[in-house]
């Protein structure tokens, strides 16, 4: 699990797992990703250049302000090439099973 509080640029090598970004996510067309990507808050995804990077899993882009009001998200894809973003439930399942904080117990006082 990777959490970025602010803007993030996906490296050319790509990545895998659960990625949460609160600002703008910028990706190269060759950067593959396998898993679940959540671009929340700033709600902007910029995919620059063509390329052949194939992303498998799921991508959610949501933009909202401090009061919780939803706004229009932005997904800009520039360039040409054969890069794809394909839904794959197996990679979503793997991302959700990645180690991270777990609730072990809840107590009320």
PDB file of N, CA and C in Angstrom:
ATOM      1  N   UNK A   1       0.847  -1.176   0.000  1.00  0.00           N
ATOM      2  CA  UNK A   1       0.000   0.000   0.000  1.00  0.00           C
ATOM      3  C   UNK A   1       0.891   1.236   0.000  1.00  0.00           C
ATOM      4  N   UNK A   2       0.577   2.175  -0.891  1.00  0.00           N
ATOM      5  CA  UNK A   2       1.320   3.429  -0.948  1.00  0.00           C
ATOM      6  C   UNK A   2       0.324   4.574  -0.841  1.00  0.00           C
ATOM      7  N   UNK A   3       0.552   5.466   0.134  1.00  0.00           N
ATOM      8  CA  UNK A   3      -0.300   6.640   0.331  1.00  0.00           C
ATOM      9  C   UNK A   3       0.537   7.886   0.088  1.00  0.00           C
ATOM     10  N   UNK A   4       0.067   8.756  -0.831  1.00  0.00           N
ATOM     11  CA  UNK A   4       0.773  10.002  -1.125  1.00  0.00           C
ATOM     12  C   UNK A   4      -0.165  11.153  -0.804  1.00  0.00           C
ATOM     13  N   UNK A   5       0.200  11.968   0.190  1.00  0.00           N
ATOM     14  CA  UNK A   5      -0.599  13.126   0.560  1.00  0.00           C
ATOM     15  C   UNK A   5      -0.123  14.308  -0.276  1.00  0.00           C
ATOM     16  N   UNK A   6      -0.713  14.470  -1.452  1.00  0.00           N
ATOM     17  CA  UNK A   6      -0.304  15.523  -2.381  1.00  0.00           C
ATOM     18  C   UNK A   6      -0.159  14.942  -3.775  1.00  0.00           C
ATOM     19  N   UNK A   7       0.647  15.609  -4.598  1.00  0.00           N
ATOM     20  CA  UNK A   7       0.849  15.194  -5.984  1.00  0.00           C
ATOM     21  C   UNK A   7       1.858  14.061  -6.069  1.00  0.00           C
ATOM     22  N   UNK A   8       1.717  13.260  -7.125  1.00  0.00           N
ATOM     23  CA  UNK A   8       2.581  12.097  -7.289  1.00  0.00           C
ATOM     24  C   UNK A   8       2.823  11.856  -8.775  1.00  0.00           C
ATOM     25  N   UNK A   9       4.027  11.437  -9.117  1.00  0.00           N
ATOM     26  CA  UNK A   9       4.354  11.034 -10.472  1.00  0.00           C
ATOM     27  C   UNK A   9       4.717   9.562 -10.443  1.00  0.00           C
ATOM     28  N   UNK A  10       3.989   8.761 -11.204  1.00  0.00           N
ATOM     29  CA  UNK A  10       4.260   7.331 -11.281  1.00  0.00           C
ATOM     30  C   UNK A  10       5.550   7.135 -12.068  1.00  0.00           C
ATOM     31  N   UNK A  11       6.525   6.395 -11.518  1.00  0.00           N
ATOM     32  CA  UNK A  11       7.791   6.222 -12.233  1.00  0.00           C
ATOM     33  C   UNK A  11       7.592   5.394 -13.505  1.00  0.00           C
ATOM     34  N   UNK A  12       8.499   5.514 -14.464  1.00  0.00           N
ATOM     35  CA  UNK A  12       8.363   4.766 -15.716  1.00  0.00           C
ATOM     36  C   UNK A  12       8.248   3.259 -15.513  1.00  0.00           C
ATOM     37  N   UNK A  13       8.834   2.744 -14.430  1.00  0.00           N
ATOM     38  CA  UNK A  13       8.752   1.307 -14.162  1.00  0.00           C
ATOM     39  C   UNK A  13       7.357   0.899 -13.703  1.00  0.00           C
ATOM     40  N   UNK A  14       6.521   1.868 -13.317  1.00  0.00           N
ATOM     41  CA  UNK A  14       5.157   1.570 -12.870  1.00  0.00           C
ATOM     42  C   UNK A  14       5.132   1.092 -11.440  1.00  0.00           C
ATOM     43  N   UNK A  15       4.200   0.190 -11.152  1.00  0.00           N
ATOM     44  CA  UNK A  15       4.087  -0.327  -9.798  1.00  0.00           C
ATOM     45  C   UNK A  15       2.943  -1.301  -9.684  1.00  0.00           C
ATOM     46  N   UNK A  16       2.670  -1.715  -8.437  1.00  0.00           N
ATOM     47  CA  UNK A  16       1.593  -2.666  -8.176  1.00  0.00           C
ATOM     48  C   UNK A  16       1.112  -2.482  -6.750  1.00  0.00           C
ATOM     49  N   UNK A  17      -0.131  -2.904  -6.492  1.00  0.00           N
ATOM     50  CA  UNK A  17      -0.710  -2.840  -5.159  1.00  0.00           C
ATOM     51  C   UNK A  17      -1.795  -1.791  -5.073  1.00  0.00           C
ATOM     52  N   UNK A  18      -1.942  -1.223  -3.894  1.00  0.00           N
ATOM     53  CA  UNK A  18      -2.935  -0.180  -3.638  1.00  0.00           C
ATOM     54  C   UNK A  18      -2.218   1.158  -3.589  1.00  0.00           C
ATOM     55  N   UNK A  19      -2.604   2.075  -4.472  1.00  0.00           N
ATOM     56  CA  UNK A  19      -2.008   3.416  -4.527  1.00  0.00           C
ATOM     57  C   UNK A  19      -3.102   4.440  -4.273  1.00  0.00           C
ATOM     58  N   UNK A  20      -2.914   5.280  -3.246  1.00  0.00           N
ATOM     59  CA  UNK A  20      -3.867   6.334  -2.908  1.00  0.00           C
ATOM     60  C   UNK A  20      -3.138   7.665  -3.016  1.00  0.00           C
ATOM     61  N   UNK A  21      -3.675   8.573  -3.837  1.00  0.00           N
ATOM     62  CA  UNK A  21      -3.074   9.892  -4.052  1.00  0.00           C
ATOM     63  C   UNK A  21      -4.125  10.949  -3.751  1.00  0.00           C
ATOM     64  N   UNK A  22      -3.777  11.968  -2.939  1.00  0.00           N
ATOM     65  CA  UNK A  22      -4.747  13.011  -2.588  1.00  0.00           C
ATOM     66  C   UNK A  22      -4.662  14.227  -3.492  1.00  0.00           C
ATOM     67  N   UNK A  23      -3.690  14.269  -4.377  1.00  0.00           N
ATOM     68  CA  UNK A  23      -3.523  15.412  -5.287  1.00  0.00           C
ATOM     69  C   UNK A  23      -3.660  14.972  -6.727  1.00  0.00           C
ATOM     70  N   UNK A  24      -2.708  15.369  -7.548  1.00  0.00           N
ATOM     71  CA  UNK A  24      -2.683  15.020  -8.967  1.00  0.00           C
ATOM     72  C   UNK A  24      -1.747  13.843  -9.182  1.00  0.00           C
ATOM     73  N   UNK A  25      -2.216  12.824  -9.883  1.00  0.00           N
ATOM     74  CA  UNK A  25      -1.372  11.695 -10.265  1.00  0.00           C
ATOM     75  C   UNK A  25      -0.983  11.882 -11.722  1.00  0.00           C
ATOM     76  N   UNK A  26       0.322  11.915 -11.989  1.00  0.00           N
ATOM     77  CA  UNK A  26       0.837  12.046 -13.345  1.00  0.00           C
ATOM     78  C   UNK A  26       1.530  10.737 -13.709  1.00  0.00           C
ATOM     79  N   UNK A  27       1.162  10.187 -14.884  1.00  0.00           N
ATOM     80  CA  UNK A  27       1.742   8.924 -15.326  1.00  0.00           C
ATOM     81  C   UNK A  27       2.165   9.035 -16.782  1.00  0.00           C
ATOM     82  N   UNK A  28       3.246   8.370 -17.112  1.00  0.00           N
ATOM     83  CA  UNK A  28       3.732   8.265 -18.480  1.00  0.00           C
ATOM     84  C   UNK A  28       2.952   7.140 -19.155  1.00  0.00           C
ATOM     85  N   UNK A  29       2.752   7.222 -20.460  1.00  0.00           N
ATOM     86  CA  UNK A  29       2.024   6.188 -21.190  1.00  0.00           C
ATOM     87  C   UNK A  29       2.677   4.824 -21.149  1.00  0.00           C
ATOM     88  N   UNK A  30       3.972   4.775 -20.817  1.00  0.00           N
ATOM     89  CA  UNK A  30       4.685   3.497 -20.715  1.00  0.00           C
ATOM     90  C   UNK A  30       4.642   2.912 -19.314  1.00  0.00           C
ATOM     91  N   UNK A  31       4.152   3.676 -18.328  1.00  0.00           N
ATOM     92  CA  UNK A  31       4.179   3.227 -16.935  1.00  0.00           C
ATOM     93  C   UNK A  31       3.010   2.272 -16.656  1.00  0.00           C
ATOM     94  N   UNK A  32       3.291   0.975 -16.480  1.00  0.00           N
ATOM     95  CA  UNK A  32       2.216   0.031 -16.171  1.00  0.00           C
ATOM     96  C   UNK A  32       1.900   0.039 -14.674  1.00  0.00           C
ATOM     97  N   UNK A  33       0.681  -0.307 -14.330  1.00  0.00           N
ATOM     98  CA  UNK A  33       0.315  -0.448 -12.910  1.00  0.00           C
ATOM     99  C   UNK A  33      -0.634  -1.625 -12.779  1.00  0.00           C
ATOM    100  N   UNK A  34      -0.414  -2.429 -11.761  1.00  0.00           N
ATOM    101  CA  UNK A  34      -1.271  -3.589 -11.514  1.00  0.00           C
ATOM    102  C   UNK A  34      -1.825  -3.475 -10.106  1.00  0.00           C
ATOM    103  N   UNK A  35      -3.134  -3.232 -10.000  1.00  0.00           N
ATOM    104  CA  UNK A  35      -3.758  -3.100  -8.697  1.00  0.00           C
ATOM    105  C   UNK A  35      -4.850  -2.061  -8.705  1.00  0.00           C
ATOM    106  N   UNK A  36      -5.029  -1.413  -7.570  1.00  0.00           N
ATOM    107  CA  UNK A  36      -6.091  -0.430  -7.384  1.00  0.00           C
ATOM    108  C   UNK A  36      -5.472   0.948  -7.177  1.00  0.00           C
ATOM    109  N   UNK A  37      -5.916   1.917  -7.984  1.00  0.00           N
ATOM    110  CA  UNK A  37      -5.432   3.292  -7.883  1.00  0.00           C
ATOM    111  C   UNK A  37      -6.609   4.183  -7.508  1.00  0.00           C
ATOM    112  N   UNK A  38      -6.472   4.923  -6.401  1.00  0.00           N
ATOM    113  CA  UNK A  38      -7.491   5.872  -5.952  1.00  0.00           C
ATOM    114  C   UNK A  38      -6.882   7.265  -5.969  1.00  0.00           C
ATOM    115  N   UNK A  39      -7.411   8.131  -6.824  1.00  0.00           N
ATOM    116  CA  UNK A  39      -6.966   9.533  -6.885  1.00  0.00           C
ATOM    117  C   UNK A  39      -8.107  10.337  -6.280  1.00  0.00           C
ATOM    118  N   UNK A  40      -7.948  10.726  -5.018  1.00  0.00           N
ATOM    119  CA  UNK A  40      -9.043  11.322  -4.246  1.00  0.00           C
ATOM    120  C   UNK A  40      -8.670  12.704  -3.739  1.00  0.00           C
ATOM    121  N   UNK A  41      -9.658  13.548  -3.563  1.00  0.00           N
ATOM    122  CA  UNK A  41      -9.424  14.901  -3.059  1.00  0.00           C
ATOM    123  C   UNK A  41      -9.193  15.852  -4.202  1.00  0.00           C
ATOM    124  N   UNK A  42      -7.923  15.922  -4.667  1.00  0.00           N
ATOM    125  CA  UNK A  42      -7.592  16.765  -5.814  1.00  0.00           C
ATOM    126  C   UNK A  42      -8.243  16.269  -7.088  1.00  0.00           C
ATOM    127  N   UNK A  43      -8.414  14.954  -7.175  1.00  0.00           N
ATOM    128  CA  UNK A  43      -9.166  14.339  -8.268  1.00  0.00           C
ATOM    129  C   UNK A  43      -8.686  14.651  -9.662  1.00  0.00           C
ATOM    130  N   UNK A  44      -7.366  14.556  -9.883  1.00  0.00           N
ATOM    131  CA  UNK A  44      -6.855  14.825 -11.225  1.00  0.00           C
ATOM    132  C   UNK A  44      -5.843  13.762 -11.608  1.00  0.00           C
ATOM    133  N   UNK A  45      -6.072  13.138 -12.774  1.00  0.00           N
ATOM    134  CA  UNK A  45      -5.144  12.168 -13.338  1.00  0.00           C
ATOM    135  C   UNK A  45      -4.670  12.685 -14.688  1.00  0.00           C
ATOM    136  N   UNK A  46      -3.359  12.726 -14.888  1.00  0.00           N
ATOM    137  CA  UNK A  46      -2.771  13.185 -16.139  1.00  0.00           C
ATOM    138  C   UNK A  46      -1.897  12.053 -16.670  1.00  0.00           C
ATOM    139  N   UNK A  47      -2.228  11.565 -17.854  1.00  0.00           N
ATOM    140  CA  UNK A  47      -1.451  10.500 -18.493  1.00  0.00           C
ATOM    141  C   UNK A  47      -0.815  11.103 -19.735  1.00  0.00           C
ATOM    142  N   UNK A  48       0.502  11.283 -19.696  1.00  0.00           N
ATOM    143  CA  UNK A  48       1.220  11.980 -20.764  1.00  0.00           C
ATOM    144  C   UNK A  48       1.926  11.017 -21.705  1.00  0.00           C
ATOM    145  N   UNK A  49       1.849  11.333 -22.969  1.00  0.00           N
ATOM    146  CA  UNK A  49       2.594  10.597 -23.976  1.00  0.00           C
ATOM    147  C   UNK A  49       1.976   9.267 -24.320  1.00  0.00           C
ATOM    148  N   UNK A  50       2.310   8.793 -25.456  1.00  0.00           N
ATOM    149  CA  UNK A  50       1.862   7.469 -25.873  1.00  0.00           C
ATOM    150  C   UNK A  50       2.685   6.423 -25.160  1.00  0.00           C
ATOM    151  N   UNK A  51       2.638   5.249 -25.640  1.00  0.00           N
ATOM    152  CA  UNK A  51       3.425   4.195 -25.027  1.00  0.00           C
ATOM    153  C   UNK A  51       2.692   2.885 -25.090  1.00  0.00           C
ATOM    154  N   UNK A  52       3.263   1.912 -24.422  1.00  0.00           N
ATOM    155  CA  UNK A  52       2.716   0.566 -24.452  1.00  0.00           C
ATOM    156  C   UNK A  52       2.458   0.021 -23.054  1.00  0.00           C
ATOM    157  N   UNK A  53       2.350   0.884 -22.065  1.00  0.00           N
ATOM    158  CA  UNK A  53       2.114   0.435 -20.694  1.00  0.00           C
ATOM    159  C   UNK A  53       0.690  -0.047 -20.513  1.00  0.00           C
ATOM    160  N   UNK A  54       0.536  -1.273 -20.033  1.00  0.00           N
ATOM    161  CA  UNK A  54      -0.789  -1.841 -19.779  1.00  0.00           C
ATOM    162  C   UNK A  54      -1.047  -1.867 -18.283  1.00  0.00           C
ATOM    163  N   UNK A  55      -2.093  -1.179 -17.843  1.00  0.00           N
ATOM    164  CA  UNK A  55      -2.471  -1.156 -16.439  1.00  0.00           C
ATOM    165  C   UNK A  55      -3.658  -2.086 -16.237  1.00  0.00           C
ATOM    166  N   UNK A  56      -3.556  -2.941 -15.216  1.00  0.00           N
ATOM    167  CA  UNK A  56      -4.610  -3.908 -14.908  1.00  0.00           C
ATOM    168  C   UNK A  56      -5.092  -3.674 -13.490  1.00  0.00           C
ATOM    169  N   UNK A  57      -6.383  -3.714 -13.278  1.00  0.00           N
ATOM    170  CA  UNK A  57      -6.960  -3.515 -11.955  1.00  0.00           C
ATOM    171  C   UNK A  57      -8.128  -2.575 -12.051  1.00  0.00           C
ATOM    172  N   UNK A  58      -8.082  -1.498 -11.277  1.00  0.00           N
ATOM    173  CA  UNK A  58      -9.155  -0.517 -11.305  1.00  0.00           C
ATOM    174  C   UNK A  58      -8.601   0.855 -10.958  1.00  0.00           C
ATOM    175  N   UNK A  59      -9.257   1.860 -11.488  1.00  0.00           N
ATOM    176  CA  UNK A  59      -8.855   3.247 -11.287  1.00  0.00           C
ATOM    177  C   UNK A  59     -10.086   4.048 -10.900  1.00  0.00           C
ATOM    178  N   UNK A  60      -9.990   4.787  -9.784  1.00  0.00           N
ATOM    179  CA  UNK A  60     -11.088   5.636  -9.325  1.00  0.00           C
ATOM    180  C   UNK A  60     -10.539   7.040  -9.153  1.00  0.00           C
ATOM    181  N   UNK A  61     -11.204   8.020  -9.781  1.00  0.00           N
ATOM    182  CA  UNK A  61     -10.814   9.419  -9.653  1.00  0.00           C
ATOM    183  C   UNK A  61     -11.993  10.167  -9.051  1.00  0.00           C
ATOM    184  N   UNK A  62     -11.798  10.757  -7.869  1.00  0.00           N
ATOM    185  CA  UNK A  62     -12.861  11.492  -7.189  1.00  0.00           C
ATOM    186  C   UNK A  62     -12.327  12.821  -6.673  1.00  0.00           C
ATOM    187  N   UNK A  63     -13.028  13.883  -6.957  1.00  0.00           N
ATOM    188  CA  UNK A  63     -12.599  15.214  -6.516  1.00  0.00           C
ATOM    189  C   UNK A  63     -13.642  15.782  -5.568  1.00  0.00           C
ATOM    190  N   UNK A  64     -13.186  16.295  -4.434  1.00  0.00           N
ATOM    191  CA  UNK A  64     -14.091  16.911  -3.468  1.00  0.00           C
ATOM    192  C   UNK A  64     -13.332  17.968  -2.685  1.00  0.00           C
ATOM    193  N   UNK A  65     -14.090  18.911  -2.114  1.00  0.00           N
ATOM    194  CA  UNK A  65     -13.450  19.977  -1.340  1.00  0.00           C
ATOM    195  C   UNK A  65     -13.497  19.654   0.150  1.00  0.00           C
ATOM    196  N   UNK A  66     -13.022  20.582   0.975  1.00  0.00           N
ATOM    197  CA  UNK A  66     -12.931  20.339   2.420  1.00  0.00           C
ATOM    198  C   UNK A  66     -14.277  20.094   3.091  1.00  0.00           C
ATOM    199  N   UNK A  67     -15.360  20.628   2.510  1.00  0.00           N
ATOM    200  CA  UNK A  67     -16.681  20.419   3.104  1.00  0.00           C
ATOM    201  C   UNK A  67     -17.309  19.102   2.654  1.00  0.00           C
ATOM    202  N   UNK A  68     -16.624  18.370   1.764  1.00  0.00           N
ATOM    203  CA  UNK A  68     -17.130  17.076   1.311  1.00  0.00           C
ATOM    204  C   UNK A  68     -17.969  17.140   0.052  1.00  0.00           C
ATOM    205  N   UNK A  69     -18.168  18.338  -0.513  1.00  0.00           N
ATOM    206  CA  UNK A  69     -18.937  18.458  -1.747  1.00  0.00           C
ATOM    207  C   UNK A  69     -18.137  17.874  -2.912  1.00  0.00           C
ATOM    208  N   UNK A  70     -18.801  17.020  -3.705  1.00  0.00           N
ATOM    209  CA  UNK A  70     -18.128  16.440  -4.860  1.00  0.00           C
ATOM    210  C   UNK A  70     -18.083  17.442  -6.005  1.00  0.00           C
ATOM    211  N   UNK A  71     -16.945  17.441  -6.711  1.00  0.00           N
ATOM    212  CA  UNK A  71     -16.718  18.309  -7.859  1.00  0.00           C
ATOM    213  C   UNK A  71     -16.361  17.427  -9.053  1.00  0.00           C
ATOM    214  N   UNK A  72     -16.301  18.016 -10.235  1.00  0.00           N
ATOM    215  CA  UNK A  72     -15.964  17.251 -11.438  1.00  0.00           C
ATOM    216  C   UNK A  72     -14.490  16.835 -11.413  1.00  0.00           C
ATOM    217  N   UNK A  73     -14.202  15.533 -11.533  1.00  0.00           N
ATOM    218  CA  UNK A  73     -12.808  15.089 -11.594  1.00  0.00           C
ATOM    219  C   UNK A  73     -12.228  15.359 -12.976  1.00  0.00           C
ATOM    220  N   UNK A  74     -10.907  15.226 -13.094  1.00  0.00           N
ATOM    221  CA  UNK A  74     -10.228  15.455 -14.364  1.00  0.00           C
ATOM    222  C   UNK A  74      -9.378  14.241 -14.718  1.00  0.00           C
ATOM    223  N   UNK A  75      -9.520  13.748 -15.952  1.00  0.00           N
ATOM    224  CA  UNK A  75      -8.691  12.671 -16.472  1.00  0.00           C
ATOM    225  C   UNK A  75      -8.219  13.108 -17.848  1.00  0.00           C
ATOM    226  N   UNK A  76      -6.974  13.558 -17.938  1.00  0.00           N
ATOM    227  CA  UNK A  76      -6.393  14.001 -19.208  1.00  0.00           C
ATOM    228  C   UNK A  76      -5.448  12.928 -19.722  1.00  0.00           C
ATOM    229  N   UNK A  77      -5.665  12.509 -20.958  1.00  0.00           N
ATOM    230  CA  UNK A  77      -4.789  11.539 -21.599  1.00  0.00           C
ATOM    231  C   UNK A  77      -4.267  12.165 -22.884  1.00  0.00           C
ATOM    232  N   UNK A  78      -2.965  12.408 -22.933  1.00  0.00           N
ATOM    233  CA  UNK A  78      -2.332  13.077 -24.071  1.00  0.00           C
ATOM    234  C   UNK A  78      -1.422  12.112 -24.807  1.00  0.00           C
ATOM    235  N   UNK A  79      -1.409  12.167 -26.103  1.00  0.00           N
ATOM    236  CA  UNK A  79      -0.503  11.340 -26.891  1.00  0.00           C
ATOM    237  C   UNK A  79      -1.221  10.176 -27.525  1.00  0.00           C
ATOM    238  N   UNK A  80      -0.452   9.349 -28.176  1.00  0.00           N
ATOM    239  CA  UNK A  80      -1.020   8.179 -28.836  1.00  0.00           C
ATOM    240  C   UNK A  80      -0.250   6.956 -28.386  1.00  0.00           C
ATOM    241  N   UNK A  81      -0.534   5.828 -28.971  1.00  0.00           N
ATOM    242  CA  UNK A  81       0.160   4.600 -28.602  1.00  0.00           C
ATOM    243  C   UNK A  81      -0.834   3.502 -28.301  1.00  0.00           C
ATOM    244  N   UNK A  82      -0.346   2.449 -27.700  1.00  0.00           N
ATOM    245  CA  UNK A  82      -1.166   1.271 -27.413  1.00  0.00           C
ATOM    246  C   UNK A  82      -1.385   1.046 -25.924  1.00  0.00           C
ATOM    247  N   UNK A  83      -1.113   2.023 -25.079  1.00  0.00           N
ATOM    248  CA  UNK A  83      -1.283   1.825 -23.640  1.00  0.00           C
ATOM    249  C   UNK A  83      -2.759   1.655 -23.312  1.00  0.00           C
ATOM    250  N   UNK A  84      -3.042   0.811 -22.319  1.00  0.00           N
ATOM    251  CA  UNK A  84      -4.424   0.528 -21.937  1.00  0.00           C
ATOM    252  C   UNK A  84      -4.582   0.578 -20.420  1.00  0.00           C
ATOM    253  N   UNK A  85      -5.810   0.830 -20.000  1.00  0.00           N
ATOM    254  CA  UNK A  85      -6.205   0.701 -18.601  1.00  0.00           C
ATOM    255  C   UNK A  85      -7.381  -0.265 -18.613  1.00  0.00           C
ATOM    256  N   UNK A  86      -7.197  -1.462 -18.071  1.00  0.00           N
ATOM    257  CA  UNK A  86      -8.190  -2.525 -18.151  1.00  0.00           C
ATOM    258  C   UNK A  86      -8.604  -2.978 -16.758  1.00  0.00           C
ATOM    259  N   UNK A  87      -9.933  -3.084 -16.542  1.00  0.00           N
ATOM    260  CA  UNK A  87     -10.424  -3.593 -15.265  1.00  0.00           C
ATOM    261  C   UNK A  87     -10.065  -5.067 -15.136  1.00  0.00           C
ATOM    262  N   UNK A  88      -9.502  -5.435 -13.976  1.00  0.00           N
ATOM    263  CA  UNK A  88      -9.132  -6.818 -13.703  1.00  0.00           C
ATOM    264  C   UNK A  88      -9.411  -7.092 -12.231  1.00  0.00           C
ATOM    265  N   UNK A  89     -10.451  -7.859 -11.952  1.00  0.00           N
ATOM    266  CA  UNK A  89     -10.876  -8.097 -10.566  1.00  0.00           C
ATOM    267  C   UNK A  89      -9.814  -8.839  -9.757  1.00  0.00           C
ATOM    268  N   UNK A  90      -9.006  -9.659 -10.396  1.00  0.00           N
ATOM    269  CA  UNK A  90      -7.965 -10.383  -9.673  1.00  0.00           C
ATOM    270  C   UNK A  90      -6.924  -9.419  -9.111  1.00  0.00           C
ATOM    271  N   UNK A  91      -6.524  -8.410  -9.900  1.00  0.00           N
ATOM    272  CA  UNK A  91      -5.554  -7.435  -9.403  1.00  0.00           C
ATOM    273  C   UNK A  91      -6.163  -6.526  -8.346  1.00  0.00           C
ATOM    274  N   UNK A  92      -7.456  -6.239  -8.420  1.00  0.00           N
ATOM    275  CA  UNK A  92      -8.126  -5.461  -7.374  1.00  0.00           C
ATOM    276  C   UNK A  92      -8.117  -6.257  -6.071  1.00  0.00           C
ATOM    277  N   UNK A  93      -8.431  -7.547  -6.155  1.00  0.00           N
ATOM    278  CA  UNK A  93      -8.422  -8.415  -4.967  1.00  0.00           C
ATOM    279  C   UNK A  93      -7.032  -8.466  -4.346  1.00  0.00           C
ATOM    280  N   UNK A  94      -6.024  -8.601  -5.172  1.00  0.00           N
ATOM    281  CA  UNK A  94      -4.645  -8.638  -4.660  1.00  0.00           C
ATOM    282  C   UNK A  94      -4.278  -7.326  -3.968  1.00  0.00           C
ATOM    283  N   UNK A  95      -4.684  -6.196  -4.556  1.00  0.00           N
ATOM    284  CA  UNK A  95      -4.385  -4.890  -3.955  1.00  0.00           C
ATOM    285  C   UNK A  95      -5.076  -4.740  -2.605  1.00  0.00           C
ATOM    286  N   UNK A  96      -6.317  -5.203  -2.509  1.00  0.00           N
ATOM    287  CA  UNK A  96      -7.056  -5.079  -1.253  1.00  0.00           C
ATOM    288  C   UNK A  96      -6.508  -6.008  -0.176  1.00  0.00           C
ATOM    289  N   UNK A  97      -5.817  -7.066  -0.577  1.00  0.00           N
ATOM    290  CA  UNK A  97      -5.239  -8.007   0.386  1.00  0.00           C
ATOM    291  C   UNK A  97      -3.830  -7.600   0.802  1.00  0.00           C
ATOM    292  N   UNK A  98      -3.293  -6.522   0.205  1.00  0.00           N
ATOM    293  CA  UNK A  98      -1.935  -6.103   0.536  1.00  0.00           C
ATOM    294  C   UNK A  98      -1.867  -5.681   1.998  1.00  0.00           C
ATOM    295  N   UNK A  99      -0.718  -5.915   2.620  1.00  0.00           N
ATOM    296  CA  UNK A  99      -0.610  -5.572   4.039  1.00  0.00           C
ATOM    297  C   UNK A  99      -0.784  -4.076   4.273  1.00  0.00           C
ATOM    298  N   UNK A 100      -1.446  -3.775   5.337  1.00  0.00           N
ATOM    299  CA  UNK A 100      -1.682  -2.393   5.729  1.00  0.00           C
ATOM    300  C   UNK A 100      -2.302  -2.399   7.110  1.00  0.00           C
ATOM    301  N   UNK A 101      -2.691  -1.244   7.604  1.00  0.00           N
ATOM    302  CA  UNK A 101      -3.311  -1.203   8.931  1.00  0.00           C
ATOM    303  C   UNK A 101      -4.582  -2.045   8.962  1.00  0.00           C
ATOM    304  N   UNK A 102      -4.729  -2.835   9.986  1.00  0.00           N
ATOM    305  CA  UNK A 102      -5.907  -3.677  10.158  1.00  0.00           C
ATOM    306  C   UNK A 102      -6.576  -3.345  11.485  1.00  0.00           C
ATOM    307  N   UNK A 103      -7.886  -3.331  11.505  1.00  0.00           N
ATOM    308  CA  UNK A 103      -8.637  -3.137  12.750  1.00  0.00           C
ATOM    309  C   UNK A 103      -8.678  -4.484  13.456  1.00  0.00           C
ATOM    310  N   UNK A 104      -8.067  -4.543  14.617  1.00  0.00           N
ATOM    311  CA  UNK A 104      -8.014  -5.782  15.378  1.00  0.00           C
ATOM    312  C   UNK A 104      -9.118  -5.856  16.426  1.00  0.00           C
ATOM    313  N   UNK A 105      -9.558  -4.706  16.911  1.00  0.00           N
ATOM    314  CA  UNK A 105     -10.608  -4.672  17.916  1.00  0.00           C
ATOM    315  C   UNK A 105     -11.196  -3.269  17.989  1.00  0.00           C
ATOM    316  N   UNK A 106     -12.420  -3.195  18.467  1.00  0.00           N
ATOM    317  CA  UNK A 106     -13.084  -1.924  18.665  1.00  0.00           C
ATOM    318  C   UNK A 106     -13.614  -1.917  20.099  1.00  0.00           C
ATOM    319  N   UNK A 107     -13.333  -0.856  20.826  1.00  0.00           N
ATOM    320  CA  UNK A 107     -13.808  -0.751  22.201  1.00  0.00           C
ATOM    321  C   UNK A 107     -14.596   0.532  22.399  1.00  0.00           C
ATOM    322  N   UNK A 108     -15.642   0.448  23.216  1.00  0.00           N
ATOM    323  CA  UNK A 108     -16.442   1.641  23.539  1.00  0.00           C
ATOM    324  C   UNK A 108     -16.322   1.901  25.024  1.00  0.00           C
ATOM    325  N   UNK A 109     -16.108   3.166  25.354  1.00  0.00           N
ATOM    326  CA  UNK A 109     -15.966   3.527  26.785  1.00  0.00           C
ATOM    327  C   UNK A 109     -16.966   4.575  27.146  1.00  0.00           C
TER     328      UNK A 109
END
